[in-house]
PDB file of N, CA and C in Angstrom:
ATOM      1  N   MET A   1       0.745  -1.148   0.128  1.00  0.00           N
ATOM      2  CA  MET A   1      -0.012  -0.018   0.184  1.00  0.00           C
ATOM      3  C   MET A   1       0.764   1.323  -0.227  1.00  0.00           C
ATOM      4  N   ARG A   2       2.095   1.042   0.774  1.00  0.00           N
ATOM      5  CA  ARG A   2       2.872   2.223   0.547  1.00  0.00           C
ATOM      6  C   ARG A   2       3.597   2.761  -0.541  1.00  0.00           C
ATOM      7  N   LEU A   3       3.929   1.498  -1.235  1.00  0.00           N
ATOM      8  CA  LEU A   3       4.436   1.720  -2.754  1.00  0.00           C
ATOM      9  C   LEU A   3       3.278   2.210  -3.562  1.00  0.00           C
ATOM     10  N   CYS A   4       2.340   2.014  -3.404  1.00  0.00           N
ATOM     11  CA  CYS A   4       1.259   2.741  -4.217  1.00  0.00           C
ATOM     12  C   CYS A   4       0.970   4.065  -4.083  1.00  0.00           C
ATOM     13  N   ALA A   5       0.818   4.394  -2.850  1.00  0.00           N
ATOM     14  CA  ALA A   5       0.858   5.750  -2.324  1.00  0.00           C
ATOM     15  C   ALA A   5       2.363   6.612  -2.910  1.00  0.00           C
ATOM     16  N   ALA A   6       3.346   6.133  -2.578  1.00  0.00           N
ATOM     17  CA  ALA A   6       4.182   6.551  -3.378  1.00  0.00           C
ATOM     18  C   ALA A   6       4.373   6.878  -4.651  1.00  0.00           C
ATOM     19  N   LEU A   7       3.969   5.898  -5.415  1.00  0.00           N
ATOM     20  CA  LEU A   7       3.853   6.084  -6.742  1.00  0.00           C
ATOM     21  C   LEU A   7       2.935   7.242  -7.178  1.00  0.00           C
ATOM     22  N   PHE A   8       1.815   7.054  -6.429  1.00  0.00           N
ATOM     23  CA  PHE A   8       0.599   8.108  -6.714  1.00  0.00           C
ATOM     24  C   PHE A   8       1.453   9.593  -6.350  1.00  0.00           C
ATOM     25  N   PHE A   9       2.240   9.745  -5.607  1.00  0.00           N
ATOM     26  CA  PHE A   9       2.765  11.249  -5.325  1.00  0.00           C
ATOM     27  C   PHE A   9       3.598  11.497  -6.436  1.00  0.00           C
ATOM     28  N   VAL A  10       4.378  10.370  -6.818  1.00  0.00           N
ATOM     29  CA  VAL A  10       5.249  10.781  -8.074  1.00  0.00           C
ATOM     30  C   VAL A  10       4.528  11.121  -9.302  1.00  0.00           C
ATOM     31  N   PHE A  11       3.402  10.157  -9.778  1.00  0.00           N
ATOM     32  CA  PHE A  11       2.950  10.685 -10.569  1.00  0.00           C
ATOM     33  C   PHE A  11       2.265  11.989 -10.666  1.00  0.00           C
ATOM     34  N   CYS A  12       1.860  12.475  -9.538  1.00  0.00           N
ATOM     35  CA  CYS A  12       0.908  13.791  -9.249  1.00  0.00           C
ATOM     36  C   CYS A  12       1.992  15.071  -9.541  1.00  0.00           C
ATOM     37  N   PHE A  13       3.444  14.487  -8.923  1.00  0.00           N
ATOM     38  CA  PHE A  13       4.559  15.430  -8.858  1.00  0.00           C
ATOM     39  C   PHE A  13       4.748  15.667 -10.465  1.00  0.00           C
ATOM     40  N   LEU A  14       4.935  14.706 -11.053  1.00  0.00           N
ATOM     41  CA  LEU A  14       5.704  14.737 -12.348  1.00  0.00           C
ATOM     42  C   LEU A  14       4.526  14.564 -13.870  1.00  0.00           C
ATOM     43  N   SER A  15       3.335  14.857 -13.316  1.00  0.00           N
ATOM     44  CA  SER A  15       2.370  14.634 -14.518  1.00  0.00           C
ATOM     45  C   SER A  15       2.601  15.434 -15.597  1.00  0.00           C
ATOM     46  N   GLU A  16       2.865  16.772 -15.365  1.00  0.00           N
ATOM     47  CA  GLU A  16       3.116  17.848 -16.414  1.00  0.00           C
ATOM     48  C   GLU A  16       4.665  17.460 -17.204  1.00  0.00           C
ATOM     49  N   ALA A  17       5.462  16.565 -16.266  1.00  0.00           N
ATOM     50  CA  ALA A  17       6.807  16.606 -17.184  1.00  0.00           C
ATOM     51  C   ALA A  17       6.631  15.273 -17.678  1.00  0.00           C
ATOM     52  N   LEU A  18       5.620  14.265 -17.901  1.00  0.00           N
ATOM     53  CA  LEU A  18       5.366  13.059 -18.335  1.00  0.00           C
ATOM     54  C   LEU A  18       4.476  13.308 -19.813  1.00  0.00           C
ATOM     55  N   SER A  19       3.642  14.299 -19.844  1.00  0.00           N
ATOM     56  CA  SER A  19       2.939  14.196 -20.929  1.00  0.00           C
ATOM     57  C   SER A  19       3.924  14.360 -22.297  1.00  0.00           C
ATOM     58  N   ALA A  20       3.244  13.718 -23.113  1.00  0.00           N
ATOM     59  CA  ALA A  20       4.040  13.539 -24.641  1.00  0.00           C
ATOM     60  C   ALA A  20       5.246  13.043 -24.709  1.00  0.00           C
ATOM     61  N   LYS A  21       5.708  12.278 -23.506  1.00  0.00           N
ATOM     62  CA  LYS A  21       6.726  11.590 -23.374  1.00  0.00           C
ATOM     63  C   LYS A  21       6.546  10.083 -23.639  1.00  0.00           C
ATOM     64  N   THR A  22       8.097   9.327 -24.230  1.00  0.00           N
ATOM     65  CA  THR A  22       7.880   7.810 -24.116  1.00  0.00           C
ATOM     66  C   THR A  22       8.614   7.189 -23.057  1.00  0.00           C
ATOM     67  N   VAL A  23       7.832   6.212 -22.637  1.00  0.00           N
ATOM     68  CA  VAL A  23       8.312   5.838 -21.336  1.00  0.00           C
ATOM     69  C   VAL A  23       8.596   4.221 -21.523  1.00  0.00           C
ATOM     70  N   LEU A  24       9.720   3.661 -20.951  1.00  0.00           N
ATOM     71  CA  LEU A  24       9.917   2.212 -21.149  1.00  0.00           C
ATOM     72  C   LEU A  24       9.268   1.737 -19.763  1.00  0.00           C
ATOM     73  N   LEU A  25       8.447   0.892 -19.890  1.00  0.00           N
ATOM     74  CA  LEU A  25       7.947   0.207 -18.396  1.00  0.00           C
ATOM     75  C   LEU A  25       8.335  -1.121 -18.389  1.00  0.00           C
ATOM     76  N   LEU A  26       8.976  -1.538 -17.477  1.00  0.00           N
ATOM     77  CA  LEU A  26       9.644  -2.767 -17.305  1.00  0.00           C
ATOM     78  C   LEU A  26       8.669  -3.627 -16.504  1.00  0.00           C
ATOM     79  N   ALA A  27       8.628  -4.694 -16.710  1.00  0.00           N
ATOM     80  CA  ALA A  27       7.539  -5.845 -15.630  1.00  0.00           C
ATOM     81  C   ALA A  27       5.848  -5.085 -16.222  1.00  0.00           C
ATOM     82  N   GLY A  28       5.787  -4.787 -17.423  1.00  0.00           N
ATOM     83  CA  GLY A  28       4.784  -3.827 -17.806  1.00  0.00           C
ATOM     84  C   GLY A  28       3.282  -4.721 -17.516  1.00  0.00           C
ATOM     85  N   THR A  29       3.403  -6.233 -17.776  1.00  0.00           N
ATOM     86  CA  THR A  29       2.285  -6.869 -17.540  1.00  0.00           C
ATOM     87  C   THR A  29       1.787  -7.504 -16.456  1.00  0.00           C
ATOM     88  N   SER A  30       2.712  -7.065 -15.209  1.00  0.00           N
ATOM     89  CA  SER A  30       2.534  -7.595 -13.839  1.00  0.00           C
ATOM     90  C   SER A  30       1.608  -6.394 -13.213  1.00  0.00           C
ATOM     91  N   GLU A  31       0.687  -7.056 -12.100  1.00  0.00           N
ATOM     92  CA  GLU A  31      -0.365  -6.304 -11.382  1.00  0.00           C
ATOM     93  C   GLU A  31       0.222  -4.773 -11.556  1.00  0.00           C
ATOM     94  N   LEU A  32       1.491  -4.553 -10.852  1.00  0.00           N
ATOM     95  CA  LEU A  32       1.622  -3.295 -10.649  1.00  0.00           C
ATOM     96  C   LEU A  32       1.771  -2.508 -11.824  1.00  0.00           C
ATOM     97  N   GLY A  33       2.574  -3.328 -12.711  1.00  0.00           N
ATOM     98  CA  GLY A  33       2.721  -2.633 -14.269  1.00  0.00           C
ATOM     99  C   GLY A  33       1.507  -2.083 -14.883  1.00  0.00           C
ATOM    100  N   VAL A  34       0.605  -2.969 -14.678  1.00  0.00           N
ATOM    101  CA  VAL A  34      -0.760  -2.559 -15.499  1.00  0.00           C
ATOM    102  C   VAL A  34      -1.358  -1.436 -14.910  1.00  0.00           C
ATOM    103  N   HIS A  35      -1.165  -1.455 -13.614  1.00  0.00           N
ATOM    104  CA  HIS A  35      -1.681   0.192 -12.834  1.00  0.00           C
ATOM    105  C   HIS A  35      -0.977   1.325 -13.193  1.00  0.00           C
ATOM    106  N   ILE A  36       0.479   1.007 -13.258  1.00  0.00           N
ATOM    107  CA  ILE A  36       1.238   2.127 -14.042  1.00  0.00           C
ATOM    108  C   ILE A  36       1.006   2.322 -15.287  1.00  0.00           C
ATOM    109  N   ALA A  37       0.624   1.350 -16.420  1.00  0.00           N
ATOM    110  CA  ALA A  37       0.656   1.490 -17.506  1.00  0.00           C
ATOM    111  C   ALA A  37      -0.761   2.534 -17.649  1.00  0.00           C
ATOM    112  N   ASN A  38      -1.974   2.001 -17.054  1.00  0.00           N
ATOM    113  CA  ASN A  38      -2.935   2.939 -17.102  1.00  0.00           C
ATOM    114  C   ASN A  38      -2.739   4.506 -16.335  1.00  0.00           C
ATOM    115  N   LEU A  39      -1.987   4.698 -15.522  1.00  0.00           N
ATOM    116  CA  LEU A  39      -1.730   6.187 -14.948  1.00  0.00           C
ATOM    117  C   LEU A  39      -1.025   6.760 -16.272  1.00  0.00           C
ATOM    118  N   LEU A  40       0.194   6.204 -16.637  1.00  0.00           N
ATOM    119  CA  LEU A  40       1.062   6.900 -17.795  1.00  0.00           C
ATOM    120  C   LEU A  40       0.167   7.163 -18.866  1.00  0.00           C
ATOM    121  N   CYS A  41      -0.794   6.345 -19.561  1.00  0.00           N
ATOM    122  CA  CYS A  41      -1.561   6.656 -20.432  1.00  0.00           C
ATOM    123  C   CYS A  41      -2.377   7.553 -20.212  1.00  0.00           C
ATOM    124  N   GLN A  42      -3.077   7.692 -18.825  1.00  0.00           N
ATOM    125  CA  GLN A  42      -4.052   8.943 -18.443  1.00  0.00           C
ATOM    126  C   GLN A  42      -3.244  10.165 -18.456  1.00  0.00           C
ATOM    127  N   GLU A  43      -1.761  10.496 -18.169  1.00  0.00           N
ATOM    128  CA  GLU A  43      -0.776  11.376 -18.483  1.00  0.00           C
ATOM    129  C   GLU A  43      -0.549  11.792 -19.769  1.00  0.00           C
ATOM    130  N   GLY A  44      -0.716  10.942 -20.868  1.00  0.00           N
ATOM    131  CA  GLY A  44      -0.679  11.022 -22.158  1.00  0.00           C
ATOM    132  C   GLY A  44       0.885  10.760 -22.936  1.00  0.00           C
ATOM    133  N   CYS A  45       1.466   9.807 -22.234  1.00  0.00           N
ATOM    134  CA  CYS A  45       2.732   9.139 -22.275  1.00  0.00           C
ATOM    135  C   CYS A  45       2.497   7.877 -23.569  1.00  0.00           C
ATOM    136  N   ASP A  46       3.540   7.872 -24.427  1.00  0.00           N
ATOM    137  CA  ASP A  46       3.528   6.795 -25.336  1.00  0.00           C
ATOM    138  C   ASP A  46       4.329   5.713 -24.680  1.00  0.00           C
ATOM    139  N   LEU A  47       3.883   4.376 -24.616  1.00  0.00           N
ATOM    140  CA  LEU A  47       4.489   3.391 -23.728  1.00  0.00           C
ATOM    141  C   LEU A  47       5.224   2.333 -24.715  1.00  0.00           C
ATOM    142  N   VAL A  48       6.285   2.173 -24.038  1.00  0.00           N
ATOM    143  CA  VAL A  48       6.961   0.690 -24.681  1.00  0.00           C
ATOM    144  C   VAL A  48       7.094  -0.119 -23.428  1.00  0.00           C
ATOM    145  N   ILE A  49       6.289  -1.229 -23.524  1.00  0.00           N
ATOM    146  CA  ILE A  49       6.312  -2.164 -22.313  1.00  0.00           C
ATOM    147  C   ILE A  49       6.926  -3.529 -22.597  1.00  0.00           C
ATOM    148  N   ALA A  50       7.926  -3.362 -21.779  1.00  0.00           N
ATOM    149  CA  ALA A  50       8.720  -4.729 -21.566  1.00  0.00           C
ATOM    150  C   ALA A  50       8.473  -5.973 -20.662  1.00  0.00           C
ATOM    151  N   ALA A  51       8.121  -7.134 -21.564  1.00  0.00           N
ATOM    152  CA  ALA A  51       7.661  -8.196 -20.508  1.00  0.00           C
ATOM    153  C   ALA A  51       8.032  -9.384 -21.482  1.00  0.00           C
ATOM    154  N   ARG A  52       7.750 -10.324 -20.279  1.00  0.00           N
ATOM    155  CA  ARG A  52       8.062 -12.074 -20.920  1.00  0.00           C
ATOM    156  C   ARG A  52       6.795 -12.319 -21.804  1.00  0.00           C
ATOM    157  N   ASN A  53       5.874 -11.991 -21.230  1.00  0.00           N
ATOM    158  CA  ASN A  53       4.501 -12.853 -22.026  1.00  0.00           C
ATOM    159  C   ASN A  53       3.887 -11.978 -22.665  1.00  0.00           C
ATOM    160  N   LYS A  54       3.792 -12.494 -23.783  1.00  0.00           N
ATOM    161  CA  LYS A  54       3.362 -11.627 -25.109  1.00  0.00           C
ATOM    162  C   LYS A  54       1.869 -11.903 -25.218  1.00  0.00           C
ATOM    163  N   ALA A  55       1.372 -12.764 -24.764  1.00  0.00           N
ATOM    164  CA  ALA A  55      -0.229 -13.036 -24.553  1.00  0.00           C
ATOM    165  C   ALA A  55      -0.702 -11.964 -23.734  1.00  0.00           C
ATOM    166  N   LYS A  56      -0.211 -11.730 -22.662  1.00  0.00           N
ATOM    167  CA  LYS A  56      -0.417 -10.831 -21.430  1.00  0.00           C
ATOM    168  C   LYS A  56      -0.382  -9.429 -22.036  1.00  0.00           C
ATOM    169  N   PHE A  57       0.618  -9.289 -22.599  1.00  0.00           N
ATOM    170  CA  PHE A  57       1.097  -7.772 -23.175  1.00  0.00           C
ATOM    171  C   PHE A  57      -0.258  -7.480 -24.330  1.00  0.00           C
ATOM    172  N   GLN A  58      -0.450  -8.453 -25.249  1.00  0.00           N
ATOM    173  CA  GLN A  58      -1.777  -8.442 -26.170  1.00  0.00           C
ATOM    174  C   GLN A  58      -3.036  -8.081 -25.331  1.00  0.00           C
ATOM    175  N   GLN A  59      -3.008  -8.693 -24.326  1.00  0.00           N
ATOM    176  CA  GLN A  59      -4.727  -8.325 -23.674  1.00  0.00           C
ATOM    177  C   GLN A  59      -4.613  -7.111 -22.894  1.00  0.00           C
ATOM    178  N   LEU A  60      -3.595  -6.551 -22.565  1.00  0.00           N
ATOM    179  CA  LEU A  60      -3.263  -5.209 -21.761  1.00  0.00           C
ATOM    180  C   LEU A  60      -3.325  -4.251 -22.840  1.00  0.00           C
ATOM    181  N   ASN A  61      -2.578  -4.326 -23.930  1.00  0.00           N
ATOM    182  CA  ASN A  61      -2.563  -3.098 -25.093  1.00  0.00           C
ATOM    183  C   ASN A  61      -3.946  -3.214 -25.775  1.00  0.00           C
ATOM    184  N   SER A  62      -4.826  -4.121 -25.668  1.00  0.00           N
ATOM    185  CA  SER A  62      -6.336  -4.247 -26.231  1.00  0.00           C
ATOM    186  C   SER A  62      -7.161  -3.244 -25.238  1.00  0.00           C
ATOM    187  N   LYS A  63      -6.799  -3.522 -23.991  1.00  0.00           N
ATOM    188  CA  LYS A  63      -7.729  -2.667 -23.051  1.00  0.00           C
ATOM    189  C   LYS A  63      -7.153  -1.481 -22.977  1.00  0.00           C
ATOM    190  N   LEU A  64      -5.887  -0.886 -22.848  1.00  0.00           N
ATOM    191  CA  LEU A  64      -5.310   0.531 -22.747  1.00  0.00           C
ATOM    192  C   LEU A  64      -5.885   1.194 -24.202  1.00  0.00           C
ATOM    193  N   ARG A  65      -5.832   0.409 -25.628  1.00  0.00           N
ATOM    194  CA  ARG A  65      -6.211   1.184 -26.632  1.00  0.00           C
ATOM    195  C   ARG A  65      -7.905   1.363 -26.737  1.00  0.00           C
ATOM    196  N   LYS A  66      -8.541   0.681 -26.074  1.00  0.00           N
ATOM    197  CA  LYS A  66      -9.822   0.788 -25.862  1.00  0.00           C
ATOM    198  C   LYS A  66     -10.339   2.038 -25.098  1.00  0.00           C
ATOM    199  N   SER A  67      -9.565   2.364 -23.865  1.00  0.00           N
ATOM    200  CA  SER A  67      -9.538   3.477 -22.797  1.00  0.00           C
ATOM    201  C   SER A  67      -9.038   4.575 -23.227  1.00  0.00           C
ATOM    202  N   TYR A  68      -7.640   4.504 -24.119  1.00  0.00           N
ATOM    203  CA  TYR A  68      -7.092   5.788 -24.479  1.00  0.00           C
ATOM    204  C   TYR A  68      -6.720   5.459 -25.600  1.00  0.00           C
ATOM    205  N   LYS A  69      -7.559   6.127 -26.635  1.00  0.00           N
ATOM    206  CA  LYS A  69      -7.545   6.015 -28.177  1.00  0.00           C
ATOM    207  C   LYS A  69      -6.188   6.348 -28.814  1.00  0.00           C
ATOM    208  N   ARG A  70      -5.932   7.472 -28.179  1.00  0.00           N
ATOM    209  CA  ARG A  70      -4.464   8.050 -28.833  1.00  0.00           C
ATOM    210  C   ARG A  70      -3.132   7.509 -28.415  1.00  0.00           C
ATOM    211  N   ALA A  71      -3.237   6.687 -27.515  1.00  0.00           N
ATOM    212  CA  ALA A  71      -2.046   5.972 -26.724  1.00  0.00           C
ATOM    213  C   ALA A  71      -0.954   5.015 -27.886  1.00  0.00           C
ATOM    214  N   LYS A  72      -0.015   5.230 -28.080  1.00  0.00           N
ATOM    215  CA  LYS A  72       0.859   4.678 -28.807  1.00  0.00           C
ATOM    216  C   LYS A  72       1.693   3.895 -27.715  1.00  0.00           C
ATOM    217  N   ILE A  73       1.524   2.337 -28.315  1.00  0.00           N
ATOM    218  CA  ILE A  73       1.847   1.177 -27.143  1.00  0.00           C
ATOM    219  C   ILE A  73       2.932   0.295 -27.865  1.00  0.00           C
ATOM    220  N   SER A  74       3.953  -0.046 -27.478  1.00  0.00           N
ATOM    221  CA  SER A  74       4.924  -0.972 -28.372  1.00  0.00           C
ATOM    222  C   SER A  74       5.093  -1.874 -27.340  1.00  0.00           C
ATOM    223  N   TYR A  75       6.038  -3.292 -27.547  1.00  0.00           N
ATOM    224  CA  TYR A  75       6.315  -4.282 -27.098  1.00  0.00           C
ATOM    225  C   TYR A  75       7.733  -4.765 -27.254  1.00  0.00           C
ATOM    226  N   VAL A  76       8.364  -5.087 -26.167  1.00  0.00           N
ATOM    227  CA  VAL A  76       9.834  -5.427 -26.131  1.00  0.00           C
ATOM    228  C   VAL A  76       9.909  -6.671 -25.137  1.00  0.00           C
ATOM    229  N   TYR A  77      10.103  -7.762 -25.889  1.00  0.00           N
ATOM    230  CA  TYR A  77      10.504  -9.159 -25.051  1.00  0.00           C
ATOM    231  C   TYR A  77      11.788  -8.856 -24.232  1.00  0.00           C
ATOM    232  N   MET A  78      11.431  -9.112 -22.886  1.00  0.00           N
ATOM    233  CA  MET A  78      12.518  -9.398 -22.147  1.00  0.00           C
ATOM    234  C   MET A  78      12.083 -10.165 -21.168  1.00  0.00           C
ATOM    235  N   ASP A  79      13.340 -11.125 -20.839  1.00  0.00           N
ATOM    236  CA  ASP A  79      13.300 -12.170 -19.824  1.00  0.00           C
ATOM    237  C   ASP A  79      14.084 -11.826 -18.898  1.00  0.00           C
ATOM    238  N   TYR A  80      13.902 -11.610 -17.826  1.00  0.00           N
ATOM    239  CA  TYR A  80      14.867 -11.110 -16.667  1.00  0.00           C
ATOM    240  C   TYR A  80      15.670 -12.568 -16.008  1.00  0.00           C
ATOM    241  N   ALA A  81      14.758 -13.577 -16.319  1.00  0.00           N
ATOM    242  CA  ALA A  81      15.436 -14.821 -15.531  1.00  0.00           C
ATOM    243  C   ALA A  81      16.887 -14.937 -16.030  1.00  0.00           C
ATOM    244  N   ASP A  82      16.842 -14.718 -17.343  1.00  0.00           N
ATOM    245  CA  ASP A  82      18.393 -14.914 -18.106  1.00  0.00           C
ATOM    246  C   ASP A  82      19.008 -13.601 -18.290  1.00  0.00           C
ATOM    247  N   ILE A  83      19.469 -13.240 -17.057  1.00  0.00           N
ATOM    248  CA  ILE A  83      20.175 -11.969 -16.764  1.00  0.00           C
ATOM    249  C   ILE A  83      21.357 -11.806 -17.533  1.00  0.00           C
ATOM    250  N   GLU A  84      22.169 -12.535 -17.998  1.00  0.00           N
ATOM    251  CA  GLU A  84      23.222 -12.894 -18.595  1.00  0.00           C
ATOM    252  C   GLU A  84      23.343 -11.957 -19.825  1.00  0.00           C
ATOM    253  N   LYS A  85      22.158 -12.012 -20.654  1.00  0.00           N
ATOM    254  CA  LYS A  85      21.794 -11.334 -22.033  1.00  0.00           C
ATOM    255  C   LYS A  85      21.961  -9.756 -21.767  1.00  0.00           C
ATOM    256  N   PHE A  86      21.849  -9.381 -20.310  1.00  0.00           N
ATOM    257  CA  PHE A  86      21.868  -8.097 -20.197  1.00  0.00           C
ATOM    258  C   PHE A  86      22.904  -7.336 -19.785  1.00  0.00           C
ATOM    259  N   ASN A  87      23.854  -8.273 -19.697  1.00  0.00           N
ATOM    260  CA  ASN A  87      25.428  -7.850 -19.129  1.00  0.00           C
ATOM    261  C   ASN A  87      26.269  -6.876 -20.485  1.00  0.00           C
ATOM    262  N   VAL A  88      26.525  -5.865 -19.962  1.00  0.00           N
ATOM    263  CA  VAL A  88      27.308  -4.961 -20.935  1.00  0.00           C
ATOM    264  C   VAL A  88      28.664  -4.714 -20.679  1.00  0.00           C
ATOM    265  N   ALA A  89      29.605  -5.214 -21.679  1.00  0.00           N
ATOM    266  CA  ALA A  89      31.065  -5.331 -21.400  1.00  0.00           C
ATOM    267  C   ALA A  89      31.381  -3.816 -21.205  1.00  0.00           C
TER     268      ALA A  89
END
């Protein structure tokens, strides 16, 4: 609950700065990610959602596009379980 309150405060504080920005949302299909995606779309952000499960992304994408007609939403596959893929030399 404290995390949700903290996120709400951050979104209220940054709402003007977020409008018309592109945001990379990690774990975007998780329960918290879905809530954040909705908040970001309300603020007018374009989203790049990183997630493992493409089916969950497609469901989320469909819901977001119905609610936010102007939203631009993209998908990036990321599997955090294989962390070695993300190592940079």
